C-alpha cells in the first residue's frame, strides 16, 4: 500500500486496531446487557408465577368450601 504522506500506513493500522477493540467492547457490553435483562425477566417471571400459584390456591380453597357447603 503506497500512500504519499509519511506515517499514513501506521495511522490506518492504528485506526483498524482501535475499531477492532471498540467493536469487541461494544459486543461485550451488548452481551452483558442481554444477560442482565434475561436474568431480571426471570426474576419478574418467578414473582408472577408465585402470585399465580397463590391465586390458584385461593380458588381451590373457595371451590372446596363451596363443595362442602353443597354436600350438606
C-alpha atoms as a PDB file:
ATOM      1  CA  UNK A   1       0.000   0.000   0.000  1.00  0.00           C
ATOM      2  CA  UNK A   2       1.598   3.231  -1.178  1.00  0.00           C
ATOM      3  CA  UNK A   3       0.264   6.492   0.217  1.00  0.00           C
ATOM      4  CA  UNK A   4       2.249   9.700  -0.237  1.00  0.00           C
ATOM      5  CA  UNK A   5       2.060  11.061   3.315  1.00  0.00           C
ATOM      6  CA  UNK A   6       4.593   9.774   5.846  1.00  0.00           C
ATOM      7  CA  UNK A   7       3.058   7.753   8.705  1.00  0.00           C
ATOM      8  CA  UNK A   8      -0.270   7.221   6.909  1.00  0.00           C
ATOM      9  CA  UNK A   9       0.066   3.443   6.850  1.00  0.00           C
ATOM     10  CA  UNK A  10       0.713   3.388  10.590  1.00  0.00           C
ATOM     11  CA  UNK A  11      -2.301   5.621  11.214  1.00  0.00           C
ATOM     12  CA  UNK A  12      -4.527   3.327   9.155  1.00  0.00           C
ATOM     13  CA  UNK A  13      -3.301   0.295  11.108  1.00  0.00           C
ATOM     14  CA  UNK A  14      -3.912   2.103  14.418  1.00  0.00           C
ATOM     15  CA  UNK A  15      -7.399   3.037  13.215  1.00  0.00           C
ATOM     16  CA  UNK A  16      -8.182  -0.610  12.401  1.00  0.00           C
ATOM     17  CA  UNK A  17      -6.847  -1.763  15.764  1.00  0.00           C
ATOM     18  CA  UNK A  18      -8.875   0.920  17.558  1.00  0.00           C
ATOM     19  CA  UNK A  19     -12.046  -0.008  15.678  1.00  0.00           C
ATOM     20  CA  UNK A  20     -11.457  -3.675  16.439  1.00  0.00           C
ATOM     21  CA  UNK A  21     -11.189  -3.066  20.193  1.00  0.00           C
ATOM     22  CA  UNK A  22     -14.154  -0.695  20.209  1.00  0.00           C
ATOM     23  CA  UNK A  23     -16.140  -3.430  18.454  1.00  0.00           C
ATOM     24  CA  UNK A  24     -15.023  -6.055  20.978  1.00  0.00           C
ATOM     25  CA  UNK A  25     -16.011  -3.797  23.876  1.00  0.00           C
ATOM     26  CA  UNK A  26     -19.366  -2.976  22.257  1.00  0.00           C
ATOM     27  CA  UNK A  27     -20.156  -6.669  21.773  1.00  0.00           C
ATOM     28  CA  UNK A  28     -19.191  -7.338  25.399  1.00  0.00           C
ATOM     29  CA  UNK A  29     -21.489  -4.579  26.633  1.00  0.00           C
ATOM     30  CA  UNK A  30     -24.360  -5.848  24.481  1.00  0.00           C
ATOM     31  CA  UNK A  31     -23.915  -9.390  25.770  1.00  0.00           C
ATOM     32  CA  UNK A  32     -23.819  -8.135  29.365  1.00  0.00           C
ATOM     33  CA  UNK A  33     -26.995  -6.099  28.858  1.00  0.00           C
ATOM     34  CA  UNK A  34     -28.731  -9.061  27.238  1.00  0.00           C
ATOM     35  CA  UNK A  35     -27.799 -11.337  30.143  1.00  0.00           C
ATOM     36  CA  UNK A  36     -28.883  -8.741  32.673  1.00  0.00           C
ATOM     37  CA  UNK A  37     -32.270  -8.317  31.023  1.00  0.00           C
ATOM     38  CA  UNK A  38     -32.711 -12.094  30.764  1.00  0.00           C
ATOM     39  CA  UNK A  39     -31.992 -12.594  34.477  1.00  0.00           C
ATOM     40  CA  UNK A  40     -34.196  -9.691  35.527  1.00  0.00           C
ATOM     41  CA  UNK A  41     -37.005 -11.109  33.379  1.00  0.00           C
ATOM     42  CA  UNK A  42     -36.665 -14.447  35.097  1.00  0.00           C
ATOM     43  CA  UNK A  43     -36.997 -12.704  38.470  1.00  0.00           C
ATOM     44  CA  UNK A  44     -40.156 -10.967  37.272  1.00  0.00           C
ATOM     45  CA  UNK A  45     -41.457 -14.248  35.904  1.00  0.00           C
ATOM     46  CA  UNK A  46     -40.794 -16.096  39.147  1.00  0.00           C
ATOM     47  CA  UNK A  47     -42.641 -13.409  41.097  1.00  0.00           C
ATOM     48  CA  UNK A  48     -45.559 -13.665  38.687  1.00  0.00           C
ATOM     49  CA  UNK A  49     -45.563 -17.457  38.989  1.00  0.00           C
ATOM     50  CA  UNK A  50     -45.707 -17.158  42.785  1.00  0.00           C
ATOM     51  CA  UNK A  51     -48.657 -14.753  42.502  1.00  0.00           C
ATOM     52  CA  UNK A  52     -50.497 -17.118  40.183  1.00  0.00           C
ATOM     53  CA  UNK A  53     -49.840 -20.089  42.447  1.00  0.00           C
ATOM     54  CA  UNK A  54     -51.282 -18.132  45.385  1.00  0.00           C
ATOM     55  CA  UNK A  55     -54.365 -17.264  43.328  1.00  0.00           C
ATOM     56  CA  UNK A  56     -54.823 -20.899  42.310  1.00  0.00           C
ATOM     57  CA  UNK A  57     -54.594 -21.970  45.952  1.00  0.00           C
ATOM     58  CA  UNK A  58     -57.223 -19.390  46.949  1.00  0.00           C
ATOM     59  CA  UNK A  59     -59.525 -20.550  44.160  1.00  0.00           C
ATOM     60  CA  UNK A  60     -59.116 -24.175  45.213  1.00  0.00           C
ATOM     61  CA  UNK A  61     -59.977 -23.256  48.794  1.00  0.00           C
ATOM     62  CA  UNK A  62     -63.081 -21.386  47.599  1.00  0.00           C
ATOM     63  CA  UNK A  63     -64.101 -24.371  45.452  1.00  0.00           C
ATOM     64  CA  UNK A  64     -63.593 -26.773  48.340  1.00  0.00           C
ATOM     65  CA  UNK A  65     -65.630 -24.513  50.631  1.00  0.00           C
ATOM     66  CA  UNK A  66     -68.482 -24.386  48.078  1.00  0.00           C
ATOM     67  CA  UNK A  67     -68.391 -28.152  47.590  1.00  0.00           C
ATOM     68  CA  UNK A  68     -68.506 -28.773  51.336  1.00  0.00           C
ATOM     69  CA  UNK A  69     -71.497 -26.395  51.671  1.00  0.00           C
ATOM     70  CA  UNK A  70     -73.323 -28.069  48.803  1.00  0.00           C
ATOM     71  CA  UNK A  71     -72.701 -31.542  50.292  1.00  0.00           C
ATOM     72  CA  UNK A  72     -74.589 -30.598  53.461  1.00  0.00           C
END
